[in-house]
Amino acid sequence: MDSKTKITATGNSRPVNQPPTAEEQFAADAFTRQAPVFDELYTGDTIIKYKRKRVREHTERFLKPQSNILELNAGTGEDAIYFARKGHTVHATDISAGMQAILSHKVKEQQLENKISHELCSFTELETLQQQGPYDYIFSNFAGLNCTGRLEKVLDSFQHLLKPGGFVTLVILPKFCLWEFLLLFRGKFKTAFRRFAGRKGASAHIEGEYFRCWYYNPSFVRRRLKISFTVKSLEGLCTLVPPSYIENFAVKYSTWYKFLVAKENKWKARWPWRSIGDYYIITLQKN
């Protein structure tokens, strides 16, 4: 596919104003390679189930009935399908052709075409979306937005895509994660310090494809959107509960896991726990 052409959900091609950066394309290729096994790898994981439950509960505090949602980095469509079944309509976007193909198959299989539309589009190219809205809600889960060094461009696009009074919920990796830093004491220095990579980002890889990640604190999002948006909620995610890549923690230490879930749910919105987890969940409302 020519780098200046976009293939939409309808199969039509159209020019874009700005192609993805090389790093964003590397991320797209990585997730396309992972797409066929993505659900198999992650759907049954206890901690990932906990994370999805937390994010959905958070989002549903602000979602009004029958909302029109723009989802960024929709992946294989797990969240889009969940919200569609709740009565919302979702325009699910992703830069990965492989992820969009899996999503499309699920939508047809579950006969949700009237609730879910989809489009191959980078979140740094939202000005080229076929469906410009305005939307009631913008949603991005599980740190897809960390796959760009141009998060400010993504955030700037929310102004014209969202209705007045609409909400944005983003799940982002911050620059410091307590659990990762503690890996320092197990000799995993690279993991412990990777979030301090700065403007160049940190190297990541999936299915043999390498790309870069950038880390953003809640203060970055607040500053960029402060003129037109108000922060309504900020919660830490996997602050006390370990990240899902810490193998089988929930199975090996089930009593400890339940204890940590209870404590995290109690302290999730308190300082410092709200901003030192593996992720944070931030929701803002357009003024």
Foldseek 3Di string as FASTA:
>chain_A
DPQQWFQWLVRDIDGFPDGDDPQLVLVLVQLLVCQVCVCVVPVPQPQSVVQVVVQVVVVVVQDDAQWEEEEEQCFLPPVQVVVVVSNYAYEYEYQHPNRVVNNVVVCVVVVVPVRYGYTNDHLLRLVPDPPLDLTQEYEYDDAPCQSDLPSLSSLVSNVRNHDAFHKYKYKHFALAAPQQLVCVVVVPVCSNRQSVVPSVAGWDGHPRRIHGGHHHWPVVSCVSCVVFKDWDAKFARQRQQHPSVPPPCCPVPVVSNVVSSVVRVVCGRPPPNRTRHRIMMIMMTTD
